[in-house]
């Protein structure tokens, strides 16, 4: 999986200055990254699944911001109390608003 954000970037984004939550944050990094990359799979394939090409893209900062926002949502709401705010099976609007143009909808 492509490393979109580092633990240090996440801790800075969430303003965390201790190591107590590192294991939980790493889990949230992996889960959030997988969810965002899955959503923009079309864009990943368009970039030949090449990590260097993806990270050099002008769109990569939007992807990074989307992952950070999703991690922040999971950090703020660890027990899913806010689940009613988001349609089932979809990423939260603040995340998709950044990366929606990189997504190719699939109609089944």
PDB file of N, CA and C in Angstrom:
ATOM      1  N   UNK A   1       0.848  -1.173   0.000  1.00  0.00           N
ATOM      2  CA  UNK A   1       0.000   0.000   0.000  1.00  0.00           C
ATOM      3  C   UNK A   1       0.896   1.239   0.000  1.00  0.00           C
ATOM      4  N   UNK A   2       0.458   2.243  -0.709  1.00  0.00           N
ATOM      5  CA  UNK A   2       1.186   3.499  -0.807  1.00  0.00           C
ATOM      6  C   UNK A   2       1.115   4.226   0.535  1.00  0.00           C
ATOM      7  N   UNK A   3       2.259   4.707   0.997  1.00  0.00           N
ATOM      8  CA  UNK A   3       2.269   5.490   2.238  1.00  0.00           C
ATOM      9  C   UNK A   3       1.878   6.919   1.891  1.00  0.00           C
ATOM     10  N   UNK A   4       0.683   7.297   2.291  1.00  0.00           N
ATOM     11  CA  UNK A   4       0.174   8.631   1.985  1.00  0.00           C
ATOM     12  C   UNK A   4       0.563   9.613   3.084  1.00  0.00           C
ATOM     13  N   UNK A   5       0.459   9.184   4.323  1.00  0.00           N
ATOM     14  CA  UNK A   5       0.823  10.028   5.459  1.00  0.00           C
ATOM     15  C   UNK A   5       1.693   9.231   6.433  1.00  0.00           C
ATOM     16  N   UNK A   6       2.512   9.952   7.171  1.00  0.00           N
ATOM     17  CA  UNK A   6       3.349   9.321   8.201  1.00  0.00           C
ATOM     18  C   UNK A   6       2.705   9.523   9.567  1.00  0.00           C
ATOM     19  N   UNK A   7       3.162   8.750  10.510  1.00  0.00           N
ATOM     20  CA  UNK A   7       2.669   8.889  11.883  1.00  0.00           C
ATOM     21  C   UNK A   7       2.944  10.304  12.396  1.00  0.00           C
ATOM     22  N   UNK A   8       4.104  10.843  12.079  1.00  0.00           N
ATOM     23  CA  UNK A   8       4.468  12.187  12.533  1.00  0.00           C
ATOM     24  C   UNK A   8       3.528  13.243  11.949  1.00  0.00           C
ATOM     25  N   UNK A   9       3.162  13.089  10.675  1.00  0.00           N
ATOM     26  CA  UNK A   9       2.228  14.034  10.059  1.00  0.00           C
ATOM     27  C   UNK A   9       0.854  13.961  10.720  1.00  0.00           C
ATOM     28  N   UNK A  10       0.418  12.756  11.036  1.00  0.00           N
ATOM     29  CA  UNK A  10      -0.881  12.574  11.686  1.00  0.00           C
ATOM     30  C   UNK A  10      -0.866  13.190  13.077  1.00  0.00           C
ATOM     31  N   UNK A  11       0.180  12.942  13.833  1.00  0.00           N
ATOM     32  CA  UNK A  11       0.266  13.498  15.185  1.00  0.00           C
ATOM     33  C   UNK A  11       0.295  15.022  15.141  1.00  0.00           C
ATOM     34  N   UNK A  12       0.966  15.581  14.168  1.00  0.00           N
ATOM     35  CA  UNK A  12       0.995  17.030  14.016  1.00  0.00           C
ATOM     36  C   UNK A  12      -0.394  17.550  13.640  1.00  0.00           C
ATOM     37  N   UNK A  13      -1.061  16.874  12.714  1.00  0.00           N
ATOM     38  CA  UNK A  13      -2.403  17.264  12.282  1.00  0.00           C
ATOM     39  C   UNK A  13      -3.400  17.229  13.443  1.00  0.00           C
ATOM     40  N   UNK A  14      -3.287  16.218  14.285  1.00  0.00           N
ATOM     41  CA  UNK A  14      -4.203  16.069  15.420  1.00  0.00           C
ATOM     42  C   UNK A  14      -3.712  16.769  16.682  1.00  0.00           C
ATOM     43  N   UNK A  15      -2.544  17.382  16.598  1.00  0.00           N
ATOM     44  CA  UNK A  15      -1.916  18.087  17.726  1.00  0.00           C
ATOM     45  C   UNK A  15      -1.705  17.165  18.926  1.00  0.00           C
ATOM     46  N   UNK A  16      -1.107  16.013  18.622  1.00  0.00           N
ATOM     47  CA  UNK A  16      -0.790  15.030  19.663  1.00  0.00           C
ATOM     48  C   UNK A  16       0.723  15.069  19.875  1.00  0.00           C
ATOM     49  N   UNK A  17       1.147  15.219  21.129  1.00  0.00           N
ATOM     50  CA  UNK A  17       2.587  15.327  21.391  1.00  0.00           C
ATOM     51  C   UNK A  17       3.115  14.218  22.312  1.00  0.00           C
ATOM     52  N   UNK A  18       2.441  13.078  22.329  1.00  0.00           N
ATOM     53  CA  UNK A  18       2.897  11.943  23.133  1.00  0.00           C
ATOM     54  C   UNK A  18       2.818  10.676  22.288  1.00  0.00           C
ATOM     55  N   UNK A  19       3.344   9.576  22.815  1.00  0.00           N
ATOM     56  CA  UNK A  19       3.407   8.324  22.063  1.00  0.00           C
ATOM     57  C   UNK A  19       2.373   7.292  22.517  1.00  0.00           C
ATOM     58  N   UNK A  20       1.539   7.628  23.459  1.00  0.00           N
ATOM     59  CA  UNK A  20       0.592   6.679  24.047  1.00  0.00           C
ATOM     60  C   UNK A  20      -0.356   6.093  22.998  1.00  0.00           C
ATOM     61  N   UNK A  21      -0.763   6.894  22.028  1.00  0.00           N
ATOM     62  CA  UNK A  21      -1.761   6.461  21.037  1.00  0.00           C
ATOM     63  C   UNK A  21      -1.163   5.978  19.719  1.00  0.00           C
ATOM     64  N   UNK A  22       0.148   5.803  19.662  1.00  0.00           N
ATOM     65  CA  UNK A  22       0.798   5.472  18.391  1.00  0.00           C
ATOM     66  C   UNK A  22       0.234   4.220  17.722  1.00  0.00           C
ATOM     67  N   UNK A  23       0.008   3.171  18.467  1.00  0.00           N
ATOM     68  CA  UNK A  23      -0.509   1.927  17.870  1.00  0.00           C
ATOM     69  C   UNK A  23      -1.904   2.156  17.288  1.00  0.00           C
ATOM     70  N   UNK A  24      -2.752   2.868  18.013  1.00  0.00           N
ATOM     71  CA  UNK A  24      -4.094   3.163  17.526  1.00  0.00           C
ATOM     72  C   UNK A  24      -4.035   4.069  16.298  1.00  0.00           C
ATOM     73  N   UNK A  25      -3.165   5.050  16.319  1.00  0.00           N
ATOM     74  CA  UNK A  25      -3.033   5.953  15.175  1.00  0.00           C
ATOM     75  C   UNK A  25      -2.520   5.216  13.932  1.00  0.00           C
ATOM     76  N   UNK A  26      -1.601   4.279  14.116  1.00  0.00           N
ATOM     77  CA  UNK A  26      -1.104   3.492  12.980  1.00  0.00           C
ATOM     78  C   UNK A  26      -2.238   2.675  12.361  1.00  0.00           C
ATOM     79  N   UNK A  27      -3.105   2.131  13.202  1.00  0.00           N
ATOM     80  CA  UNK A  27      -4.269   1.396  12.709  1.00  0.00           C
ATOM     81  C   UNK A  27      -5.200   2.322  11.916  1.00  0.00           C
ATOM     82  N   UNK A  28      -5.430   3.520  12.435  1.00  0.00           N
ATOM     83  CA  UNK A  28      -6.277   4.489  11.753  1.00  0.00           C
ATOM     84  C   UNK A  28      -5.633   4.954  10.442  1.00  0.00           C
ATOM     85  N   UNK A  29      -4.319   5.075  10.420  1.00  0.00           N
ATOM     86  CA  UNK A  29      -3.602   5.441   9.190  1.00  0.00           C
ATOM     87  C   UNK A  29      -3.828   4.367   8.136  1.00  0.00           C
ATOM     88  N   UNK A  30      -3.641   3.120   8.514  1.00  0.00           N
ATOM     89  CA  UNK A  30      -3.811   2.012   7.555  1.00  0.00           C
ATOM     90  C   UNK A  30      -5.247   1.921   7.054  1.00  0.00           C
ATOM     91  N   UNK A  31      -6.203   2.010   7.961  1.00  0.00           N
ATOM     92  CA  UNK A  31      -7.620   1.909   7.581  1.00  0.00           C
ATOM     93  C   UNK A  31      -8.046   3.079   6.700  1.00  0.00           C
ATOM     94  N   UNK A  32      -7.671   4.279   7.088  1.00  0.00           N
ATOM     95  CA  UNK A  32      -8.058   5.471   6.329  1.00  0.00           C
ATOM     96  C   UNK A  32      -7.402   5.497   4.958  1.00  0.00           C
ATOM     97  N   UNK A  33      -6.133   5.140   4.910  1.00  0.00           N
ATOM     98  CA  UNK A  33      -5.421   5.106   3.632  1.00  0.00           C
ATOM     99  C   UNK A  33      -6.069   4.101   2.691  1.00  0.00           C
ATOM    100  N   UNK A  34      -6.376   2.919   3.212  1.00  0.00           N
ATOM    101  CA  UNK A  34      -7.003   1.887   2.378  1.00  0.00           C
ATOM    102  C   UNK A  34      -8.355   2.353   1.854  1.00  0.00           C
ATOM    103  N   UNK A  35      -9.160   2.992   2.696  1.00  0.00           N
ATOM    104  CA  UNK A  35     -10.481   3.457   2.282  1.00  0.00           C
ATOM    105  C   UNK A  35     -10.391   4.531   1.201  1.00  0.00           C
ATOM    106  N   UNK A  36      -9.486   5.479   1.385  1.00  0.00           N
ATOM    107  CA  UNK A  36      -9.333   6.557   0.404  1.00  0.00           C
ATOM    108  C   UNK A  36      -8.766   6.022  -0.908  1.00  0.00           C
ATOM    109  N   UNK A  37      -7.737   5.183  -0.832  1.00  0.00           N
ATOM    110  CA  UNK A  37      -7.148   4.635  -2.057  1.00  0.00           C
ATOM    111  C   UNK A  37      -8.142   3.750  -2.802  1.00  0.00           C
ATOM    112  N   UNK A  38      -8.980   3.051  -2.064  1.00  0.00           N
ATOM    113  CA  UNK A  38     -10.014   2.243  -2.703  1.00  0.00           C
ATOM    114  C   UNK A  38     -11.005   3.140  -3.448  1.00  0.00           C
ATOM    115  N   UNK A  39     -11.360   4.261  -2.855  1.00  0.00           N
ATOM    116  CA  UNK A  39     -12.302   5.202  -3.462  1.00  0.00           C
ATOM    117  C   UNK A  39     -11.745   5.801  -4.752  1.00  0.00           C
ATOM    118  N   UNK A  40     -10.433   6.026  -4.794  1.00  0.00           N
ATOM    119  CA  UNK A  40      -9.817   6.663  -5.974  1.00  0.00           C
ATOM    120  C   UNK A  40      -9.011   5.661  -6.801  1.00  0.00           C
ATOM    121  N   UNK A  41      -9.435   4.417  -6.771  1.00  0.00           N
ATOM    122  CA  UNK A  41      -8.720   3.366  -7.500  1.00  0.00           C
ATOM    123  C   UNK A  41      -8.539   3.702  -8.980  1.00  0.00           C
ATOM    124  N   UNK A  42      -9.534   4.330  -9.600  1.00  0.00           N
ATOM    125  CA  UNK A  42      -9.430   4.724 -11.007  1.00  0.00           C
ATOM    126  C   UNK A  42      -8.224   5.632 -11.218  1.00  0.00           C
ATOM    127  N   UNK A  43      -8.047   6.603 -10.335  1.00  0.00           N
ATOM    128  CA  UNK A  43      -6.924   7.544 -10.429  1.00  0.00           C
ATOM    129  C   UNK A  43      -5.596   6.826 -10.204  1.00  0.00           C
ATOM    130  N   UNK A  44      -5.585   5.873  -9.255  1.00  0.00           N
ATOM    131  CA  UNK A  44      -4.368   5.082  -8.991  1.00  0.00           C
ATOM    132  C   UNK A  44      -3.988   4.307 -10.251  1.00  0.00           C
ATOM    133  N   UNK A  45      -4.955   3.642 -10.873  1.00  0.00           N
ATOM    134  CA  UNK A  45      -4.692   2.864 -12.088  1.00  0.00           C
ATOM    135  C   UNK A  45      -4.253   3.771 -13.234  1.00  0.00           C
ATOM    136  N   UNK A  46      -4.850   4.954 -13.302  1.00  0.00           N
ATOM    137  CA  UNK A  46      -4.484   5.915 -14.342  1.00  0.00           C
ATOM    138  C   UNK A  46      -3.018   6.333 -14.215  1.00  0.00           C
ATOM    139  N   UNK A  47      -2.507   6.286 -12.996  1.00  0.00           N
ATOM    140  CA  UNK A  47      -1.104   6.598 -12.728  1.00  0.00           C
ATOM    141  C   UNK A  47      -0.244   5.338 -12.686  1.00  0.00           C
ATOM    142  N   UNK A  48      -0.733   4.276 -13.311  1.00  0.00           N
ATOM    143  CA  UNK A  48       0.005   3.010 -13.460  1.00  0.00           C
ATOM    144  C   UNK A  48       0.381   2.363 -12.130  1.00  0.00           C
ATOM    145  N   UNK A  49      -0.357   2.703 -11.057  1.00  0.00           N
ATOM    146  CA  UNK A  49      -0.077   2.140  -9.739  1.00  0.00           C
ATOM    147  C   UNK A  49       1.365   2.397  -9.303  1.00  0.00           C
ATOM    148  N   UNK A  50       1.950   3.448  -9.836  1.00  0.00           N
ATOM    149  CA  UNK A  50       3.355   3.802  -9.596  1.00  0.00           C
ATOM    150  C   UNK A  50       3.426   4.824  -8.457  1.00  0.00           C
ATOM    151  N   UNK A  51       3.988   4.410  -7.335  1.00  0.00           N
ATOM    152  CA  UNK A  51       4.016   5.269  -6.148  1.00  0.00           C
ATOM    153  C   UNK A  51       4.732   6.593  -6.406  1.00  0.00           C
ATOM    154  N   UNK A  52       5.831   6.561  -7.133  1.00  0.00           N
ATOM    155  CA  UNK A  52       6.565   7.803  -7.419  1.00  0.00           C
ATOM    156  C   UNK A  52       5.731   8.745  -8.290  1.00  0.00           C
ATOM    157  N   UNK A  53       5.081   8.192  -9.279  1.00  0.00           N
ATOM    158  CA  UNK A  53       4.232   8.986 -10.170  1.00  0.00           C
ATOM    159  C   UNK A  53       3.047   9.576  -9.402  1.00  0.00           C
ATOM    160  N   UNK A  54       2.472   8.780  -8.518  1.00  0.00           N
ATOM    161  CA  UNK A  54       1.334   9.231  -7.717  1.00  0.00           C
ATOM    162  C   UNK A  54       1.748  10.360  -6.780  1.00  0.00           C
ATOM    163  N   UNK A  55       2.860  10.184  -6.101  1.00  0.00           N
ATOM    164  CA  UNK A  55       3.315  11.203  -5.150  1.00  0.00           C
ATOM    165  C   UNK A  55       3.779  12.475  -5.851  1.00  0.00           C
ATOM    166  N   UNK A  56       4.186  12.376  -7.110  1.00  0.00           N
ATOM    167  CA  UNK A  56       4.608  13.549  -7.874  1.00  0.00           C
ATOM    168  C   UNK A  56       3.423  14.300  -8.474  1.00  0.00           C
ATOM    169  N   UNK A  57       2.262  13.675  -8.466  1.00  0.00           N
ATOM    170  CA  UNK A  57       1.068  14.276  -9.058  1.00  0.00           C
ATOM    171  C   UNK A  57       0.629  15.511  -8.272  1.00  0.00           C
ATOM    172  N   UNK A  58       0.068  16.468  -8.999  1.00  0.00           N
ATOM    173  CA  UNK A  58      -0.463  17.662  -8.352  1.00  0.00           C
ATOM    174  C   UNK A  58      -1.652  17.341  -7.455  1.00  0.00           C
ATOM    175  N   UNK A  59      -2.304  16.219  -7.702  1.00  0.00           N
ATOM    176  CA  UNK A  59      -3.474  15.819  -6.909  1.00  0.00           C
ATOM    177  C   UNK A  59      -3.109  15.121  -5.599  1.00  0.00           C
ATOM    178  N   UNK A  60      -1.853  14.771  -5.417  1.00  0.00           N
ATOM    179  CA  UNK A  60      -1.468  13.993  -4.232  1.00  0.00           C
ATOM    180  C   UNK A  60      -1.755  14.739  -2.934  1.00  0.00           C
ATOM    181  N   UNK A  61      -1.599  16.050  -2.918  1.00  0.00           N
ATOM    182  CA  UNK A  61      -1.870  16.801  -1.680  1.00  0.00           C
ATOM    183  C   UNK A  61      -3.339  16.710  -1.281  1.00  0.00           C
ATOM    184  N   UNK A  62      -4.242  16.639  -2.277  1.00  0.00           N
ATOM    185  CA  UNK A  62      -5.657  16.455  -1.962  1.00  0.00           C
ATOM    186  C   UNK A  62      -5.897  15.078  -1.348  1.00  0.00           C
ATOM    187  N   UNK A  63      -5.208  14.084  -1.883  1.00  0.00           N
ATOM    188  CA  UNK A  63      -5.334  12.723  -1.343  1.00  0.00           C
ATOM    189  C   UNK A  63      -4.817  12.696   0.100  1.00  0.00           C
ATOM    190  N   UNK A  64      -3.682  13.317   0.320  1.00  0.00           N
ATOM    191  CA  UNK A  64      -3.096  13.368   1.661  1.00  0.00           C
ATOM    192  C   UNK A  64      -4.045  14.064   2.637  1.00  0.00           C
ATOM    193  N   UNK A  65      -4.607  15.179   2.225  1.00  0.00           N
ATOM    194  CA  UNK A  65      -5.545  15.901   3.088  1.00  0.00           C
ATOM    195  C   UNK A  65      -6.781  15.057   3.382  1.00  0.00           C
ATOM    196  N   UNK A  66      -7.268  14.332   2.382  1.00  0.00           N
ATOM    197  CA  UNK A  66      -8.445  13.477   2.580  1.00  0.00           C
ATOM    198  C   UNK A  66      -8.156  12.389   3.611  1.00  0.00           C
ATOM    199  N   UNK A  67      -6.981  11.793   3.533  1.00  0.00           N
ATOM    200  CA  UNK A  67      -6.607  10.757   4.505  1.00  0.00           C
ATOM    201  C   UNK A  67      -6.499  11.365   5.901  1.00  0.00           C
ATOM    202  N   UNK A  68      -5.880  12.524   6.020  1.00  0.00           N
ATOM    203  CA  UNK A  68      -5.756  13.176   7.327  1.00  0.00           C
ATOM    204  C   UNK A  68      -7.125  13.520   7.922  1.00  0.00           C
ATOM    205  N   UNK A  69      -8.033  13.985   7.086  1.00  0.00           N
ATOM    206  CA  UNK A  69      -9.376  14.314   7.576  1.00  0.00           C
ATOM    207  C   UNK A  69     -10.095  13.058   8.065  1.00  0.00           C
ATOM    208  N   UNK A  70      -9.991  11.976   7.298  1.00  0.00           N
ATOM    209  CA  UNK A  70     -10.647  10.732   7.707  1.00  0.00           C
ATOM    210  C   UNK A  70     -10.044  10.201   9.007  1.00  0.00           C
ATOM    211  N   UNK A  71      -8.747  10.282   9.156  1.00  0.00           N
ATOM    212  CA  UNK A  71      -8.110   9.867  10.409  1.00  0.00           C
ATOM    213  C   UNK A  71      -8.631  10.723  11.561  1.00  0.00           C
ATOM    214  N   UNK A  72      -8.762  12.029  11.326  1.00  0.00           N
ATOM    215  CA  UNK A  72      -9.286  12.923  12.356  1.00  0.00           C
ATOM    216  C   UNK A  72     -10.700  12.560  12.768  1.00  0.00           C
ATOM    217  N   UNK A  73     -11.524  12.194  11.789  1.00  0.00           N
ATOM    218  CA  UNK A  73     -12.904  11.788  12.098  1.00  0.00           C
ATOM    219  C   UNK A  73     -12.903  10.510  12.935  1.00  0.00           C
ATOM    220  N   UNK A  74     -12.081   9.531  12.551  1.00  0.00           N
ATOM    221  CA  UNK A  74     -12.002   8.273  13.317  1.00  0.00           C
ATOM    222  C   UNK A  74     -11.436   8.505  14.713  1.00  0.00           C
ATOM    223  N   UNK A  75     -10.502   9.426  14.837  1.00  0.00           N
ATOM    224  CA  UNK A  75      -9.901   9.749  16.134  1.00  0.00           C
ATOM    225  C   UNK A  75     -10.922  10.440  17.038  1.00  0.00           C
ATOM    226  N   UNK A  76     -11.678  11.371  16.464  1.00  0.00           N
ATOM    227  CA  UNK A  76     -12.658  12.133  17.235  1.00  0.00           C
ATOM    228  C   UNK A  76     -13.847  11.279  17.656  1.00  0.00           C
ATOM    229  N   UNK A  77     -14.182  10.277  16.837  1.00  0.00           N
ATOM    230  CA  UNK A  77     -15.385   9.473  17.076  1.00  0.00           C
ATOM    231  C   UNK A  77     -15.032   7.980  17.050  1.00  0.00           C
ATOM    232  N   UNK A  78     -14.268   7.502  18.037  1.00  0.00           N
ATOM    233  CA  UNK A  78     -13.784   6.116  17.982  1.00  0.00           C
ATOM    234  C   UNK A  78     -14.873   5.055  18.108  1.00  0.00           C
ATOM    235  N   UNK A  79     -15.992   5.395  18.698  1.00  0.00           N
ATOM    236  CA  UNK A  79     -17.042   4.383  18.883  1.00  0.00           C
ATOM    237  C   UNK A  79     -18.160   4.488  17.844  1.00  0.00           C
ATOM    238  N   UNK A  80     -18.011   5.374  16.860  1.00  0.00           N
ATOM    239  CA  UNK A  80     -18.990   5.467  15.782  1.00  0.00           C
ATOM    240  C   UNK A  80     -20.287   6.152  16.142  1.00  0.00           C
ATOM    241  N   UNK A  81     -20.273   6.992  17.161  1.00  0.00           N
ATOM    242  CA  UNK A  81     -21.495   7.677  17.580  1.00  0.00           C
ATOM    243  C   UNK A  81     -22.034   8.612  16.497  1.00  0.00           C
ATOM    244  N   UNK A  82     -21.154   9.122  15.640  1.00  0.00           N
ATOM    245  CA  UNK A  82     -21.562  10.047  14.580  1.00  0.00           C
ATOM    246  C   UNK A  82     -21.937   9.335  13.279  1.00  0.00           C
ATOM    247  N   UNK A  83     -22.093   8.022  13.329  1.00  0.00           N
ATOM    248  CA  UNK A  83     -22.320   7.260  12.098  1.00  0.00           C
ATOM    249  C   UNK A  83     -23.556   7.730  11.331  1.00  0.00           C
ATOM    250  N   UNK A  84     -24.521   8.300  12.009  1.00  0.00           N
ATOM    251  CA  UNK A  84     -25.717   8.798  11.352  1.00  0.00           C
ATOM    252  C   UNK A  84     -25.468  10.011  10.472  1.00  0.00           C
ATOM    253  N   UNK A  85     -24.311  10.642  10.650  1.00  0.00           N
ATOM    254  CA  UNK A  85     -23.976  11.823   9.846  1.00  0.00           C
ATOM    255  C   UNK A  85     -23.531  11.456   8.435  1.00  0.00           C
ATOM    256  N   UNK A  86     -23.170  10.196   8.218  1.00  0.00           N
ATOM    257  CA  UNK A  86     -22.610   9.787   6.936  1.00  0.00           C
ATOM    258  C   UNK A  86     -23.442   8.657   6.339  1.00  0.00           C
ATOM    259  N   UNK A  87     -23.714   8.731   5.036  1.00  0.00           N
ATOM    260  CA  UNK A  87     -24.447   7.626   4.401  1.00  0.00           C
ATOM    261  C   UNK A  87     -23.685   6.313   4.562  1.00  0.00           C
ATOM    262  N   UNK A  88     -24.431   5.257   4.789  1.00  0.00           N
ATOM    263  CA  UNK A  88     -23.819   3.945   5.013  1.00  0.00           C
ATOM    264  C   UNK A  88     -22.973   3.516   3.818  1.00  0.00           C
ATOM    265  N   UNK A  89     -21.758   3.105   4.104  1.00  0.00           N
ATOM    266  CA  UNK A  89     -20.867   2.595   3.072  1.00  0.00           C
ATOM    267  C   UNK A  89     -20.164   3.668   2.259  1.00  0.00           C
ATOM    268  N   UNK A  90     -20.322   4.929   2.620  1.00  0.00           N
ATOM    269  CA  UNK A  90     -19.683   6.014   1.888  1.00  0.00           C
ATOM    270  C   UNK A  90     -18.716   6.764   2.791  1.00  0.00           C
ATOM    271  N   UNK A  91     -17.728   7.368   2.171  1.00  0.00           N
ATOM    272  CA  UNK A  91     -16.799   8.200   2.924  1.00  0.00           C
ATOM    273  C   UNK A  91     -17.502   9.499   3.316  1.00  0.00           C
ATOM    274  N   UNK A  92     -17.097  10.099   4.425  1.00  0.00           N
ATOM    275  CA  UNK A  92     -17.695  11.366   4.848  1.00  0.00           C
ATOM    276  C   UNK A  92     -17.493  12.465   3.791  1.00  0.00           C
ATOM    277  N   UNK A  93     -18.440  13.386   3.707  1.00  0.00           N
ATOM    278  CA  UNK A  93     -18.397  14.458   2.720  1.00  0.00           C
ATOM    279  C   UNK A  93     -17.095  15.267   2.747  1.00  0.00           C
ATOM    280  N   UNK A  94     -16.560  15.631   3.926  1.00  0.00           N
ATOM    281  CA  UNK A  94     -15.307  16.405   3.913  1.00  0.00           C
ATOM    282  C   UNK A  94     -14.173  15.675   3.188  1.00  0.00           C
ATOM    283  N   UNK A  95     -14.211  14.353   3.204  1.00  0.00           N
ATOM    284  CA  UNK A  95     -13.187  13.547   2.518  1.00  0.00           C
ATOM    285  C   UNK A  95     -13.464  13.519   1.022  1.00  0.00           C
ATOM    286  N   UNK A  96     -14.690  13.173   0.652  1.00  0.00           N
ATOM    287  CA  UNK A  96     -15.005  13.032  -0.777  1.00  0.00           C
ATOM    288  C   UNK A  96     -14.983  14.373  -1.504  1.00  0.00           C
ATOM    289  N   UNK A  97     -15.239  15.459  -0.803  1.00  0.00           N
ATOM    290  CA  UNK A  97     -15.215  16.765  -1.470  1.00  0.00           C
ATOM    291  C   UNK A  97     -13.822  17.085  -2.014  1.00  0.00           C
ATOM    292  N   UNK A  98     -12.803  16.545  -1.406  1.00  0.00           N
ATOM    293  CA  UNK A  98     -11.435  16.781  -1.869  1.00  0.00           C
ATOM    294  C   UNK A  98     -11.038  15.878  -3.035  1.00  0.00           C
ATOM    295  N   UNK A  99     -11.571  14.666  -3.066  1.00  0.00           N
ATOM    296  CA  UNK A  99     -11.071  13.673  -4.021  1.00  0.00           C
ATOM    297  C   UNK A  99     -12.120  13.144  -4.982  1.00  0.00           C
ATOM    298  N   UNK A 100     -13.307  13.730  -4.984  1.00  0.00           N
ATOM    299  CA  UNK A 100     -14.381  13.204  -5.822  1.00  0.00           C
ATOM    300  C   UNK A 100     -14.022  13.207  -7.309  1.00  0.00           C
ATOM    301  N   UNK A 101     -13.269  14.197  -7.754  1.00  0.00           N
ATOM    302  CA  UNK A 101     -12.909  14.253  -9.174  1.00  0.00           C
ATOM    303  C   UNK A 101     -11.899  13.171  -9.559  1.00  0.00           C
ATOM    304  N   UNK A 102     -11.304  12.500  -8.566  1.00  0.00           N
ATOM    305  CA  UNK A 102     -10.358  11.410  -8.842  1.00  0.00           C
ATOM    306  C   UNK A 102     -11.053  10.062  -8.841  1.00  0.00           C
ATOM    307  N   UNK A 103     -12.334  10.056  -8.550  1.00  0.00           N
ATOM    308  CA  UNK A 103     -13.139   8.842  -8.408  1.00  0.00           C
ATOM    309  C   UNK A 103     -13.952   8.595  -9.674  1.00  0.00           C
ATOM    310  N   UNK A 104     -14.005   7.367 -10.108  1.00  0.00           N
ATOM    311  CA  UNK A 104     -14.857   7.010 -11.241  1.00  0.00           C
ATOM    312  C   UNK A 104     -15.968   6.112 -10.705  1.00  0.00           C
ATOM    313  N   UNK A 105     -17.200   6.629 -10.693  1.00  0.00           N
ATOM    314  CA  UNK A 105     -18.315   5.838 -10.149  1.00  0.00           C
ATOM    315  C   UNK A 105     -18.522   4.530 -10.916  1.00  0.00           C
ATOM    316  N   UNK A 106     -18.919   3.523 -10.182  1.00  0.00           N
ATOM    317  CA  UNK A 106     -19.214   2.219 -10.769  1.00  0.00           C
ATOM    318  C   UNK A 106     -20.715   1.965 -10.627  1.00  0.00           C
ATOM    319  N   UNK A 107     -21.351   1.661 -11.715  1.00  0.00           N
ATOM    320  CA  UNK A 107     -22.782   1.365 -11.687  1.00  0.00           C
ATOM    321  C   UNK A 107     -22.956  -0.130 -11.810  1.00  0.00           C
ATOM    322  N   UNK A 108     -23.672  -0.695 -10.849  1.00  0.00           N
ATOM    323  CA  UNK A 108     -23.871  -2.149 -10.850  1.00  0.00           C
ATOM    324  C   UNK A 108     -25.297  -2.455 -11.221  1.00  0.00           C
TER     325      UNK A 108
END
